[in-house]
């Protein structure tokens, strides 16, 4: 094509466009959300707050949906605002055995545990270490971890466990045998010691009444 022909074609194009260049014939704005955005502006669709769009010369270009970050498992207050794509965690607590507690809260998940929800979102617990009860018939009370000796210290007179002796006392189980139950004051004595200490009288015969 000659230079003259090219100039003629360009003149015809200008005439068809009413004297305006091609650049000015392209759209310079985008319409969304009931308002106008200029080329280069980013905006979020009100109908889909997870989509981010940019107004370009070719029209609006929207990015894929935003992936929401998972909320903390111990989130105790979640808000979802219409203008937000993802839910917000407004308050964090502690998760312990499937239950959620507020920061600083003290709780007792069982009779033997005392727990606190620390400010770092971790539940820390103290587990009671019960000492061996100083009796052979301890009783468990609702709400208490360790058993108690309602009748005070005691022990069995022998391994048959048929007779209980109060702590600190001596009992004659028959005319030849006396058994003493410890008073339970020694630390650790009751651990594994549930039977009284018995002493037989020398040369004593149980059936001497028959002679």
N, C-alpha and C. Protein backbone atom coordinates (compact mmCIF):
# COMPACT_ATOMS: atom_id res chain seq x y z
N UNK A 1 0.87 -1.19 0.00
CA UNK A 1 0.00 0.00 0.00
C UNK A 1 0.89 1.22 0.00
N UNK A 2 0.52 2.20 -0.89
CA UNK A 2 1.32 3.41 -0.97
C UNK A 2 1.04 4.33 0.20
N UNK A 3 1.91 5.29 0.40
CA UNK A 3 1.73 6.23 1.50
C UNK A 3 0.43 7.01 1.31
N UNK A 4 0.14 7.36 0.06
CA UNK A 4 -1.08 8.13 -0.18
C UNK A 4 -2.33 7.31 0.19
N UNK A 5 -2.26 6.02 -0.18
CA UNK A 5 -3.42 5.17 0.13
C UNK A 5 -3.60 5.02 1.63
N UNK A 6 -2.47 4.93 2.35
CA UNK A 6 -2.57 4.80 3.81
C UNK A 6 -3.14 6.06 4.43
N UNK A 7 -2.72 7.20 3.96
CA UNK A 7 -3.25 8.46 4.49
C UNK A 7 -4.75 8.58 4.22
N UNK A 8 -5.17 8.11 3.03
CA UNK A 8 -6.58 8.17 2.68
C UNK A 8 -7.41 7.28 3.60
N UNK A 9 -6.88 6.06 3.85
CA UNK A 9 -7.61 5.13 4.74
C UNK A 9 -7.73 5.69 6.14
N UNK A 10 -6.65 6.32 6.63
CA UNK A 10 -6.68 6.92 7.98
C UNK A 10 -7.70 8.05 8.04
N UNK A 11 -7.79 8.85 6.96
CA UNK A 11 -8.74 9.95 6.91
C UNK A 11 -10.17 9.43 6.92
N UNK A 12 -10.40 8.32 6.21
CA UNK A 12 -11.73 7.74 6.21
C UNK A 12 -12.13 7.24 7.60
N UNK A 13 -11.18 6.63 8.28
CA UNK A 13 -11.47 6.15 9.64
C UNK A 13 -11.81 7.31 10.57
N UNK A 14 -11.08 8.38 10.46
CA UNK A 14 -11.37 9.54 11.30
C UNK A 14 -12.76 10.09 11.01
N UNK A 15 -13.12 10.06 9.72
CA UNK A 15 -14.44 10.57 9.36
C UNK A 15 -15.53 9.68 9.95
N UNK A 16 -15.33 8.37 9.88
CA UNK A 16 -16.32 7.45 10.43
C UNK A 16 -16.47 7.59 11.95
N UNK A 17 -15.38 7.86 12.64
CA UNK A 17 -15.40 8.01 14.10
C UNK A 17 -15.77 9.41 14.54
N UNK A 18 -16.15 10.23 13.60
CA UNK A 18 -16.58 11.58 13.95
C UNK A 18 -15.44 12.44 14.44
N UNK A 19 -14.24 12.16 13.92
CA UNK A 19 -13.11 13.00 14.30
C UNK A 19 -12.45 12.58 15.58
N UNK A 20 -12.88 11.46 16.20
CA UNK A 20 -12.27 11.00 17.46
C UNK A 20 -11.31 9.86 17.18
N UNK A 21 -10.26 9.74 17.94
CA UNK A 21 -9.28 8.66 17.79
C UNK A 21 -9.84 7.37 18.39
N UNK A 22 -9.21 6.26 18.00
CA UNK A 22 -9.63 4.97 18.54
C UNK A 22 -9.46 4.88 20.04
N UNK A 23 -8.44 5.50 20.55
CA UNK A 23 -8.17 5.45 21.99
C UNK A 23 -9.32 6.02 22.78
N UNK A 24 -9.88 7.11 22.27
CA UNK A 24 -10.96 7.75 23.02
C UNK A 24 -12.29 7.05 22.82
N UNK A 25 -12.35 6.12 21.87
CA UNK A 25 -13.60 5.41 21.66
C UNK A 25 -13.77 4.25 22.64
N UNK A 26 -12.70 3.83 23.33
CA UNK A 26 -12.76 2.72 24.27
C UNK A 26 -13.32 3.18 25.61
N UNK A 27 -13.99 2.29 26.37
CA UNK A 27 -14.58 2.69 27.66
C UNK A 27 -13.51 3.12 28.66
N UNK A 28 -13.80 4.15 29.45
CA UNK A 28 -12.85 4.66 30.44
C UNK A 28 -13.35 4.44 31.86
N UNK A 29 -14.56 3.87 32.03
CA UNK A 29 -15.13 3.64 33.36
C UNK A 29 -15.82 2.29 33.40
N UNK A 30 -16.11 1.84 34.64
CA UNK A 30 -16.88 0.60 34.85
C UNK A 30 -18.00 0.91 35.84
N UNK A 31 -19.11 0.26 35.67
CA UNK A 31 -20.24 0.46 36.57
C UNK A 31 -20.47 -0.81 37.39
N UNK A 32 -20.57 -0.64 38.71
CA UNK A 32 -20.85 -1.76 39.62
C UNK A 32 -21.28 -1.19 40.96
N UNK A 33 -22.08 -1.96 41.68
CA UNK A 33 -22.53 -1.56 43.02
C UNK A 33 -23.29 -0.23 43.00
N UNK A 34 -23.86 0.12 41.82
CA UNK A 34 -24.61 1.36 41.73
C UNK A 34 -23.74 2.60 41.63
N UNK A 35 -22.46 2.45 41.30
CA UNK A 35 -21.59 3.60 41.15
C UNK A 35 -20.62 3.37 40.00
N UNK A 36 -19.82 4.39 39.66
CA UNK A 36 -18.90 4.35 38.54
C UNK A 36 -17.48 4.29 39.06
N UNK A 37 -16.67 3.39 38.48
CA UNK A 37 -15.26 3.25 38.83
C UNK A 37 -14.42 3.58 37.61
N UNK A 38 -13.29 4.25 37.84
CA UNK A 38 -12.40 4.62 36.75
C UNK A 38 -11.36 3.54 36.51
N UNK A 39 -10.78 3.57 35.32
CA UNK A 39 -9.76 2.59 34.97
C UNK A 39 -8.62 2.63 35.99
N UNK A 40 -8.26 1.43 36.50
CA UNK A 40 -7.21 1.34 37.52
C UNK A 40 -7.75 1.20 38.93
N UNK A 41 -9.05 1.46 39.12
CA UNK A 41 -9.64 1.34 40.47
C UNK A 41 -10.00 -0.12 40.75
N UNK A 42 -9.78 -0.51 42.03
CA UNK A 42 -10.19 -1.83 42.51
C UNK A 42 -11.45 -1.67 43.37
N UNK A 43 -12.30 -2.67 43.34
CA UNK A 43 -13.51 -2.63 44.14
C UNK A 43 -13.99 -4.06 44.41
N UNK A 44 -14.87 -4.16 45.39
CA UNK A 44 -15.45 -5.45 45.76
C UNK A 44 -16.93 -5.44 45.41
N UNK A 45 -17.39 -6.51 44.83
CA UNK A 45 -18.80 -6.60 44.47
C UNK A 45 -19.65 -6.79 45.73
N UNK A 46 -20.68 -5.97 45.86
CA UNK A 46 -21.57 -6.11 47.01
C UNK A 46 -22.29 -7.45 46.98
N UNK A 47 -22.55 -7.98 45.80
CA UNK A 47 -23.23 -9.26 45.68
C UNK A 47 -22.31 -10.44 45.97
N UNK A 48 -21.00 -10.20 45.95
CA UNK A 48 -20.04 -11.26 46.22
C UNK A 48 -18.79 -10.63 46.84
N UNK A 49 -18.80 -10.42 48.17
CA UNK A 49 -17.68 -9.72 48.81
C UNK A 49 -16.36 -10.48 48.74
N UNK A 50 -16.38 -11.74 48.26
CA UNK A 50 -15.13 -12.49 48.15
C UNK A 50 -14.44 -12.26 46.81
N UNK A 51 -15.05 -11.49 45.89
CA UNK A 51 -14.44 -11.22 44.59
C UNK A 51 -13.86 -9.81 44.56
N UNK A 52 -12.60 -9.68 44.15
CA UNK A 52 -11.94 -8.39 43.98
C UNK A 52 -11.86 -8.08 42.48
N UNK A 53 -12.35 -6.90 42.09
CA UNK A 53 -12.40 -6.54 40.67
C UNK A 53 -11.57 -5.28 40.41
N UNK A 54 -11.07 -5.19 39.17
CA UNK A 54 -10.34 -3.99 38.72
C UNK A 54 -11.00 -3.47 37.45
N UNK A 55 -11.16 -2.19 37.40
CA UNK A 55 -11.69 -1.56 36.19
C UNK A 55 -10.54 -1.35 35.21
N UNK A 56 -10.64 -1.96 34.01
CA UNK A 56 -9.60 -1.84 32.99
C UNK A 56 -10.19 -1.25 31.71
N UNK A 57 -9.32 -0.95 30.75
CA UNK A 57 -9.80 -0.44 29.47
C UNK A 57 -10.69 -1.45 28.77
N UNK A 58 -10.47 -2.73 29.06
CA UNK A 58 -11.29 -3.77 28.45
C UNK A 58 -12.54 -4.07 29.25
N UNK A 59 -12.74 -3.35 30.37
CA UNK A 59 -13.89 -3.59 31.21
C UNK A 59 -13.48 -4.17 32.56
N UNK A 60 -14.44 -4.53 33.41
CA UNK A 60 -14.09 -5.06 34.73
C UNK A 60 -13.46 -6.46 34.63
N UNK A 61 -12.41 -6.65 35.42
CA UNK A 61 -11.75 -7.95 35.52
C UNK A 61 -11.75 -8.35 36.98
N UNK A 62 -12.37 -9.49 37.28
CA UNK A 62 -12.51 -9.93 38.68
C UNK A 62 -11.64 -11.14 38.96
N UNK A 63 -11.02 -11.11 40.14
CA UNK A 63 -10.17 -12.22 40.57
C UNK A 63 -11.02 -13.34 41.15
N UNK A 64 -10.47 -14.55 41.26
CA UNK A 64 -11.24 -15.67 41.85
C UNK A 64 -11.59 -15.38 43.31
N UNK A 65 -12.47 -16.20 43.83
CA UNK A 65 -12.92 -16.05 45.20
C UNK A 65 -11.75 -16.14 46.18
N UNK A 66 -11.79 -15.32 47.21
CA UNK A 66 -10.77 -15.33 48.24
C UNK A 66 -10.94 -16.56 49.14
N UNK A 67 -9.83 -17.24 49.46
CA UNK A 67 -9.87 -18.37 50.38
C UNK A 67 -9.79 -17.84 51.81
N UNK A 68 -10.78 -18.19 52.61
CA UNK A 68 -10.81 -17.71 53.99
C UNK A 68 -9.88 -18.55 54.87
N UNK A 69 -9.17 -17.87 55.75
CA UNK A 69 -8.29 -18.55 56.71
C UNK A 69 -9.16 -19.21 57.77
N UNK A 70 -8.92 -20.47 58.12
CA UNK A 70 -9.72 -21.13 59.16
C UNK A 70 -9.65 -20.39 60.49
N UNK A 71 -10.78 -20.31 61.16
CA UNK A 71 -10.82 -19.64 62.46
C UNK A 71 -10.17 -20.53 63.52
N UNK A 72 -9.61 -19.92 64.57
CA UNK A 72 -9.02 -20.72 65.65
C UNK A 72 -10.07 -21.63 66.27
N UNK A 73 -9.70 -22.85 66.64
CA UNK A 73 -10.69 -23.78 67.21
C UNK A 73 -11.29 -23.27 68.52
N UNK A 74 -10.56 -22.38 69.23
CA UNK A 74 -11.06 -21.86 70.50
C UNK A 74 -11.73 -20.50 70.36
N UNK A 75 -12.17 -20.17 69.16
CA UNK A 75 -12.88 -18.90 68.97
C UNK A 75 -14.26 -19.01 69.61
N UNK A 76 -14.56 -18.10 70.52
CA UNK A 76 -15.83 -18.17 71.25
C UNK A 76 -16.82 -17.10 70.82
N UNK A 77 -16.43 -16.26 69.84
CA UNK A 77 -17.38 -15.29 69.30
C UNK A 77 -17.00 -14.99 67.85
N UNK A 78 -17.86 -15.40 66.93
CA UNK A 78 -17.61 -15.22 65.50
C UNK A 78 -18.61 -14.21 64.94
N UNK A 79 -18.11 -13.26 64.14
CA UNK A 79 -18.98 -12.28 63.48
C UNK A 79 -18.78 -12.39 61.97
N UNK A 80 -19.85 -12.22 61.23
CA UNK A 80 -19.79 -12.25 59.77
C UNK A 80 -20.50 -11.01 59.25
N UNK A 81 -19.73 -9.99 58.93
CA UNK A 81 -20.29 -8.73 58.46
C UNK A 81 -20.61 -8.83 56.97
N UNK A 82 -21.72 -8.19 56.51
CA UNK A 82 -22.10 -8.28 55.09
C UNK A 82 -21.01 -7.80 54.14
N UNK A 83 -20.20 -6.82 54.56
CA UNK A 83 -19.17 -6.27 53.69
C UNK A 83 -17.89 -7.09 53.69
N UNK A 84 -17.79 -8.09 54.56
CA UNK A 84 -16.59 -8.91 54.65
C UNK A 84 -16.78 -10.22 53.89
N UNK A 85 -15.71 -10.66 53.29
CA UNK A 85 -15.73 -11.95 52.62
C UNK A 85 -15.69 -13.09 53.64
N UNK A 86 -14.82 -12.96 54.62
CA UNK A 86 -14.59 -14.04 55.57
C UNK A 86 -15.11 -13.67 56.96
N UNK A 87 -15.51 -14.66 57.75
CA UNK A 87 -15.94 -14.38 59.13
C UNK A 87 -14.77 -13.91 59.99
N UNK A 88 -15.09 -13.16 61.03
CA UNK A 88 -14.07 -12.65 61.95
C UNK A 88 -14.21 -13.33 63.31
N UNK A 89 -13.06 -13.61 63.91
CA UNK A 89 -13.06 -14.11 65.29
C UNK A 89 -12.91 -12.91 66.22
N UNK A 90 -13.96 -12.59 66.95
CA UNK A 90 -13.95 -11.42 67.82
C UNK A 90 -13.33 -11.71 69.20
N UNK A 91 -13.37 -12.98 69.61
CA UNK A 91 -12.86 -13.29 70.95
C UNK A 91 -12.32 -14.72 70.98
N UNK A 92 -11.15 -14.87 71.61
CA UNK A 92 -10.48 -16.17 71.68
C UNK A 92 -10.56 -16.70 73.10
N UNK A 93 -10.71 -17.99 73.23
CA UNK A 93 -10.69 -18.63 74.54
C UNK A 93 -9.79 -19.85 74.51
N UNK A 94 -10.10 -20.82 75.34
CA UNK A 94 -9.35 -22.08 75.39
C UNK A 94 -10.28 -23.24 75.07
N UNK A 95 -9.78 -24.16 74.28
CA UNK A 95 -10.53 -25.38 73.99
C UNK A 95 -9.93 -26.52 74.81
N UNK A 96 -10.81 -27.22 75.56
CA UNK A 96 -10.33 -28.31 76.40
C UNK A 96 -11.38 -29.42 76.41
N UNK A 97 -11.01 -30.55 75.85
CA UNK A 97 -11.91 -31.71 75.78
C UNK A 97 -13.25 -31.38 75.14
N UNK A 98 -13.18 -30.61 74.07
CA UNK A 98 -14.39 -30.30 73.32
C UNK A 98 -15.19 -29.13 73.83
N UNK A 99 -14.82 -28.58 74.98
CA UNK A 99 -15.51 -27.41 75.54
C UNK A 99 -14.62 -26.18 75.39
N UNK A 100 -15.25 -25.00 75.31
CA UNK A 100 -14.52 -23.74 75.13
C UNK A 100 -14.72 -22.86 76.35
N UNK A 101 -13.63 -22.26 76.83
CA UNK A 101 -13.66 -21.42 78.02
C UNK A 101 -13.04 -20.06 77.70
N UNK A 102 -13.49 -19.03 78.41
CA UNK A 102 -12.98 -17.69 78.18
C UNK A 102 -11.60 -17.52 78.80
N UNK A 103 -10.83 -16.57 78.25
CA UNK A 103 -9.50 -16.30 78.78
C UNK A 103 -9.59 -15.89 80.25
N UNK A 104 -8.74 -16.50 81.08
CA UNK A 104 -8.72 -16.19 82.50
C UNK A 104 -9.73 -16.98 83.31
N UNK A 105 -10.58 -17.75 82.66
CA UNK A 105 -11.61 -18.50 83.38
C UNK A 105 -11.02 -19.72 84.10
N UNK A 106 -11.47 -19.93 85.34
CA UNK A 106 -11.11 -21.13 86.09
C UNK A 106 -12.25 -22.14 85.96
N UNK A 107 -11.90 -23.38 85.74
CA UNK A 107 -12.94 -24.40 85.58
C UNK A 107 -12.44 -25.74 86.12
N UNK A 108 -13.39 -26.61 86.40
CA UNK A 108 -13.10 -27.93 86.98
C UNK A 108 -13.75 -29.00 86.11
N UNK A 109 -13.00 -29.52 85.11
CA UNK A 109 -13.59 -30.51 84.21
C UNK A 109 -13.90 -31.84 84.89
N UNK A 110 -13.26 -32.13 86.01
CA UNK A 110 -13.56 -33.33 86.79
C UNK A 110 -13.23 -33.05 88.25
N UNK A 111 -13.63 -33.97 89.13
CA UNK A 111 -13.41 -33.76 90.56
C UNK A 111 -11.94 -33.62 90.90
N UNK A 112 -11.06 -34.20 90.09
CA UNK A 112 -9.64 -34.21 90.42
C UNK A 112 -8.83 -33.19 89.65
N UNK A 113 -9.49 -32.32 88.88
CA UNK A 113 -8.75 -31.35 88.06
C UNK A 113 -9.19 -29.92 88.37
N UNK A 114 -8.21 -29.04 88.45
CA UNK A 114 -8.44 -27.60 88.56
C UNK A 114 -7.69 -26.95 87.40
N UNK A 115 -8.44 -26.26 86.53
CA UNK A 115 -7.83 -25.73 85.30
C UNK A 115 -8.04 -24.22 85.20
N UNK A 116 -7.16 -23.59 84.42
CA UNK A 116 -7.25 -22.16 84.12
C UNK A 116 -7.01 -21.96 82.64
N UNK A 117 -7.85 -21.14 82.02
CA UNK A 117 -7.64 -20.75 80.62
C UNK A 117 -6.69 -19.57 80.60
N UNK A 118 -5.42 -19.82 80.29
CA UNK A 118 -4.41 -18.77 80.32
C UNK A 118 -4.57 -17.81 79.14
N UNK A 119 -3.91 -16.65 79.25
CA UNK A 119 -4.07 -15.59 78.26
C UNK A 119 -3.50 -15.94 76.89
N UNK A 120 -2.69 -17.00 76.82
CA UNK A 120 -2.17 -17.43 75.53
C UNK A 120 -3.09 -18.42 74.83
N UNK A 121 -4.29 -18.64 75.41
CA UNK A 121 -5.25 -19.53 74.78
C UNK A 121 -5.02 -21.00 75.06
N UNK A 122 -4.20 -21.31 76.06
CA UNK A 122 -3.91 -22.70 76.42
C UNK A 122 -4.48 -22.98 77.80
N UNK A 123 -5.21 -24.08 77.92
CA UNK A 123 -5.76 -24.48 79.22
C UNK A 123 -4.71 -25.29 79.97
N UNK A 124 -4.41 -24.86 81.19
CA UNK A 124 -3.42 -25.56 82.02
C UNK A 124 -4.12 -26.07 83.27
N UNK A 125 -3.85 -27.34 83.59
CA UNK A 125 -4.59 -28.01 84.66
C UNK A 125 -3.64 -28.62 85.70
N UNK A 126 -4.12 -28.64 86.92
CA UNK A 126 -3.45 -29.33 88.01
C UNK A 126 -4.31 -30.52 88.40
N UNK A 127 -3.70 -31.68 88.46
CA UNK A 127 -4.42 -32.91 88.81
C UNK A 127 -4.06 -33.28 90.24
N UNK A 128 -5.09 -33.48 91.06
CA UNK A 128 -4.86 -33.81 92.47
C UNK A 128 -4.19 -35.17 92.60
N UNK A 129 -3.23 -35.24 93.53
CA UNK A 129 -2.55 -36.49 93.83
C UNK A 129 -2.99 -36.91 95.23
N UNK A 130 -3.94 -37.81 95.29
CA UNK A 130 -4.53 -38.18 96.57
C UNK A 130 -3.60 -39.10 97.36
N UNK A 131 -3.42 -38.77 98.63
CA UNK A 131 -2.66 -39.65 99.51
C UNK A 131 -3.50 -40.86 99.86
N UNK A 132 -2.88 -42.00 100.15
CA UNK A 132 -3.66 -43.18 100.55
C UNK A 132 -4.51 -42.87 101.78
N UNK A 133 -5.77 -43.19 101.75
CA UNK A 133 -6.63 -42.90 102.90
C UNK A 133 -6.19 -43.70 104.12
N UNK A 134 -6.32 -43.08 105.30
CA UNK A 134 -5.88 -43.72 106.55
C UNK A 134 -6.98 -44.58 107.15
N UNK A 135 -7.70 -45.29 106.29
CA UNK A 135 -8.77 -46.16 106.78
C UNK A 135 -9.06 -47.21 105.73
N UNK A 136 -9.80 -48.21 106.13
CA UNK A 136 -10.15 -49.30 105.20
C UNK A 136 -11.52 -49.08 104.57
N UNK A 137 -12.24 -48.09 105.02
CA UNK A 137 -13.59 -47.82 104.48
C UNK A 137 -13.76 -46.35 104.09
N UNK A 138 -12.89 -45.84 103.20
CA UNK A 138 -13.02 -44.43 102.78
C UNK A 138 -14.30 -44.22 101.97
N UNK A 139 -14.80 -42.98 102.02
CA UNK A 139 -16.01 -42.65 101.29
C UNK A 139 -15.73 -41.50 100.31
N UNK A 140 -16.30 -41.62 99.12
CA UNK A 140 -16.17 -40.57 98.11
C UNK A 140 -17.39 -39.65 98.19
N UNK A 141 -17.11 -38.37 98.17
CA UNK A 141 -18.18 -37.38 98.26
C UNK A 141 -18.27 -36.65 96.93
N UNK A 142 -19.48 -36.40 96.48
CA UNK A 142 -19.68 -35.73 95.19
C UNK A 142 -19.02 -34.36 95.20
N UNK A 143 -18.29 -34.08 94.13
CA UNK A 143 -17.61 -32.80 94.00
C UNK A 143 -16.21 -32.78 94.59
N UNK A 144 -15.82 -33.84 95.28
CA UNK A 144 -14.48 -33.93 95.86
C UNK A 144 -13.70 -35.04 95.17
N UNK A 145 -12.42 -34.78 94.98
CA UNK A 145 -11.60 -35.74 94.26
C UNK A 145 -11.16 -36.89 95.14
N UNK A 146 -10.63 -36.59 96.31
CA UNK A 146 -10.03 -37.61 97.17
C UNK A 146 -11.04 -38.16 98.18
N UNK A 147 -10.95 -39.44 98.48
CA UNK A 147 -11.86 -40.04 99.46
C UNK A 147 -11.52 -39.59 100.88
N UNK A 148 -12.50 -39.66 101.76
CA UNK A 148 -12.31 -39.24 103.14
C UNK A 148 -12.68 -40.37 104.09
N UNK A 149 -12.01 -40.36 105.25
CA UNK A 149 -12.30 -41.35 106.29
C UNK A 149 -13.29 -40.74 107.27
N UNK A 150 -14.57 -41.00 107.05
CA UNK A 150 -15.61 -40.41 107.88
C UNK A 150 -15.51 -40.88 109.33
N UNK A 151 -15.05 -42.12 109.53
CA UNK A 151 -14.96 -42.68 110.88
C UNK A 151 -13.56 -42.54 111.48
N UNK A 152 -12.68 -41.82 110.81
CA UNK A 152 -11.31 -41.68 111.30
C UNK A 152 -10.44 -42.85 110.88
N UNK A 153 -9.16 -42.83 111.26
CA UNK A 153 -8.26 -43.93 110.90
C UNK A 153 -8.73 -45.25 111.48
N UNK A 154 -8.54 -46.32 110.73
CA UNK A 154 -8.84 -47.65 111.23
C UNK A 154 -8.10 -48.68 110.37
N UNK A 155 -8.21 -49.95 110.76
CA UNK A 155 -7.59 -51.02 110.00
C UNK A 155 -8.31 -52.33 110.30
N UNK A 156 -8.00 -53.34 109.50
CA UNK A 156 -8.58 -54.67 109.74
C UNK A 156 -7.77 -55.39 110.81
N UNK A 157 -8.46 -56.22 111.58
CA UNK A 157 -7.76 -56.97 112.62
C UNK A 157 -6.91 -58.09 112.02
N UNK A 158 -7.32 -58.64 110.88
CA UNK A 158 -6.54 -59.68 110.22
C UNK A 158 -6.88 -59.67 108.73
N UNK A 159 -6.29 -60.60 108.00
CA UNK A 159 -6.47 -60.61 106.56
C UNK A 159 -7.85 -61.09 106.12
N UNK A 160 -8.64 -61.58 107.04
CA UNK A 160 -10.01 -61.95 106.68
C UNK A 160 -10.90 -60.74 106.47
N UNK A 161 -10.43 -59.57 106.95
CA UNK A 161 -11.15 -58.30 106.80
C UNK A 161 -12.56 -58.38 107.39
N UNK A 162 -12.70 -59.16 108.43
CA UNK A 162 -14.02 -59.33 109.04
C UNK A 162 -14.25 -58.39 110.21
N UNK A 163 -13.16 -57.80 110.73
CA UNK A 163 -13.30 -56.95 111.91
C UNK A 163 -12.44 -55.70 111.73
N UNK A 164 -13.02 -54.53 112.01
CA UNK A 164 -12.32 -53.26 111.85
C UNK A 164 -11.97 -52.70 113.22
N UNK A 165 -10.72 -52.25 113.37
CA UNK A 165 -10.25 -51.70 114.64
C UNK A 165 -9.99 -50.21 114.46
N UNK A 166 -10.49 -49.34 115.32
CA UNK A 166 -10.22 -47.90 115.23
C UNK A 166 -8.72 -47.63 115.38
N UNK A 167 -8.24 -46.61 114.71
CA UNK A 167 -6.84 -46.25 114.78
C UNK A 167 -6.43 -45.86 116.20
N UNK A 168 -5.22 -46.31 116.61
CA UNK A 168 -4.69 -45.97 117.92
C UNK A 168 -5.20 -46.82 119.05
N UNK A 169 -5.95 -47.87 118.76
CA UNK A 169 -6.51 -48.72 119.81
C UNK A 169 -5.99 -50.15 119.70
N UNK A 170 -6.07 -50.85 120.83
CA UNK A 170 -5.70 -52.27 120.89
C UNK A 170 -6.93 -53.08 121.24
N UNK A 171 -7.16 -54.12 120.51
CA UNK A 171 -8.36 -54.94 120.70
C UNK A 171 -7.93 -56.41 120.81
N UNK A 172 -8.56 -57.10 121.77
CA UNK A 172 -8.34 -58.54 121.89
C UNK A 172 -9.33 -59.23 120.96
N UNK A 173 -8.81 -59.85 119.95
CA UNK A 173 -9.68 -60.53 119.00
C UNK A 173 -10.07 -61.91 119.54
N UNK A 174 -9.29 -62.43 120.41
CA UNK A 174 -9.63 -63.62 121.19
C UNK A 174 -8.78 -63.54 122.45
N UNK A 175 -8.92 -64.54 123.34
CA UNK A 175 -8.25 -64.41 124.64
C UNK A 175 -6.73 -64.56 124.56
N UNK A 176 -6.22 -65.01 123.38
CA UNK A 176 -4.78 -65.18 123.24
C UNK A 176 -4.13 -64.17 122.29
N UNK A 177 -4.96 -63.36 121.61
CA UNK A 177 -4.40 -62.47 120.58
C UNK A 177 -4.91 -61.04 120.77
N UNK A 178 -3.95 -60.12 120.86
CA UNK A 178 -4.29 -58.69 120.90
C UNK A 178 -3.75 -58.03 119.64
N UNK A 179 -4.57 -57.14 119.07
CA UNK A 179 -4.19 -56.46 117.83
C UNK A 179 -4.24 -54.95 118.04
N UNK A 180 -3.21 -54.30 117.56
CA UNK A 180 -3.12 -52.85 117.70
C UNK A 180 -3.17 -52.19 116.32
N UNK A 181 -4.06 -51.22 116.20
CA UNK A 181 -4.17 -50.45 114.95
C UNK A 181 -3.43 -49.15 115.11
N UNK A 182 -2.54 -48.86 114.18
CA UNK A 182 -1.74 -47.65 114.22
C UNK A 182 -2.63 -46.42 114.19
N UNK A 183 -2.14 -45.34 114.80
CA UNK A 183 -2.96 -44.13 114.86
C UNK A 183 -2.93 -43.31 113.57
N UNK A 184 -2.08 -43.72 112.62
CA UNK A 184 -2.06 -43.06 111.31
C UNK A 184 -1.30 -41.76 111.26
N UNK A 185 -0.48 -41.47 112.26
CA UNK A 185 0.25 -40.21 112.27
C UNK A 185 1.52 -40.27 111.43
N UNK A 186 2.08 -41.45 111.24
CA UNK A 186 3.30 -41.57 110.45
C UNK A 186 2.99 -41.39 108.97
N UNK A 187 3.77 -40.53 108.34
CA UNK A 187 3.56 -40.25 106.91
C UNK A 187 3.84 -41.51 106.09
N UNK A 188 2.92 -41.87 105.24
CA UNK A 188 3.10 -43.02 104.37
C UNK A 188 2.80 -44.35 105.00
N UNK A 189 2.44 -44.38 106.29
CA UNK A 189 2.21 -45.67 106.95
C UNK A 189 1.06 -46.43 106.32
N UNK A 190 0.02 -45.69 105.94
CA UNK A 190 -1.20 -46.37 105.48
C UNK A 190 -1.09 -46.88 104.06
N UNK A 191 -0.04 -46.55 103.36
CA UNK A 191 0.10 -47.04 102.00
C UNK A 191 0.53 -48.51 102.03
N UNK A 192 -0.40 -49.39 101.80
CA UNK A 192 -0.13 -50.82 101.82
C UNK A 192 -0.24 -51.45 103.19
N UNK A 193 -0.59 -50.68 104.23
CA UNK A 193 -0.74 -51.23 105.58
C UNK A 193 -2.19 -51.08 106.02
N UNK A 194 -2.96 -52.13 105.81
CA UNK A 194 -4.37 -52.07 106.15
C UNK A 194 -4.74 -53.05 107.28
N UNK A 195 -3.75 -53.79 107.75
CA UNK A 195 -4.02 -54.80 108.79
C UNK A 195 -3.27 -54.45 110.06
N UNK A 196 -3.95 -54.64 111.20
CA UNK A 196 -3.34 -54.32 112.50
C UNK A 196 -2.19 -55.27 112.80
N UNK A 197 -1.35 -54.82 113.71
CA UNK A 197 -0.25 -55.67 114.18
C UNK A 197 -0.75 -56.46 115.39
N UNK A 198 -0.70 -57.77 115.27
CA UNK A 198 -1.25 -58.63 116.31
C UNK A 198 -0.13 -59.39 117.04
N UNK A 199 -0.36 -59.60 118.34
CA UNK A 199 0.61 -60.32 119.17
C UNK A 199 -0.13 -61.41 119.94
N UNK A 200 0.41 -62.61 119.90
CA UNK A 200 -0.20 -63.72 120.65
C UNK A 200 0.47 -63.88 122.00
N UNK A 201 -0.30 -64.14 123.02
CA UNK A 201 0.23 -64.37 124.37
C UNK A 201 0.97 -65.71 124.38
N UNK A 202 2.20 -65.73 124.88
CA UNK A 202 2.96 -67.00 124.88
C UNK A 202 2.25 -68.07 125.70
N UNK A 203 2.30 -69.28 125.20
CA UNK A 203 1.77 -70.46 125.87
C UNK A 203 0.26 -70.39 126.13
N UNK A 204 -0.41 -69.49 125.44
CA UNK A 204 -1.86 -69.37 125.61
C UNK A 204 -2.56 -70.40 124.74
N UNK A 205 -3.54 -71.08 125.31
CA UNK A 205 -4.28 -72.11 124.58
C UNK A 205 -5.76 -71.65 124.52
N UNK A 206 -6.26 -71.57 123.30
CA UNK A 206 -7.61 -71.06 123.12
C UNK A 206 -8.68 -71.97 123.72
N UNK A 207 -8.46 -73.28 123.73
CA UNK A 207 -9.48 -74.21 124.23
C UNK A 207 -9.19 -74.70 125.64
N UNK A 208 -8.42 -73.91 126.45
CA UNK A 208 -8.10 -74.37 127.79
C UNK A 208 -9.32 -74.37 128.71
N UNK A 209 -10.42 -73.72 128.28
CA UNK A 209 -11.62 -73.76 129.10
C UNK A 209 -12.20 -75.17 129.21
N UNK A 210 -11.78 -76.00 128.24
CA UNK A 210 -12.32 -77.36 128.27
C UNK A 210 -11.59 -78.25 129.26
N UNK A 211 -10.43 -77.79 129.76
CA UNK A 211 -9.68 -78.60 130.73
C UNK A 211 -10.21 -78.40 132.13
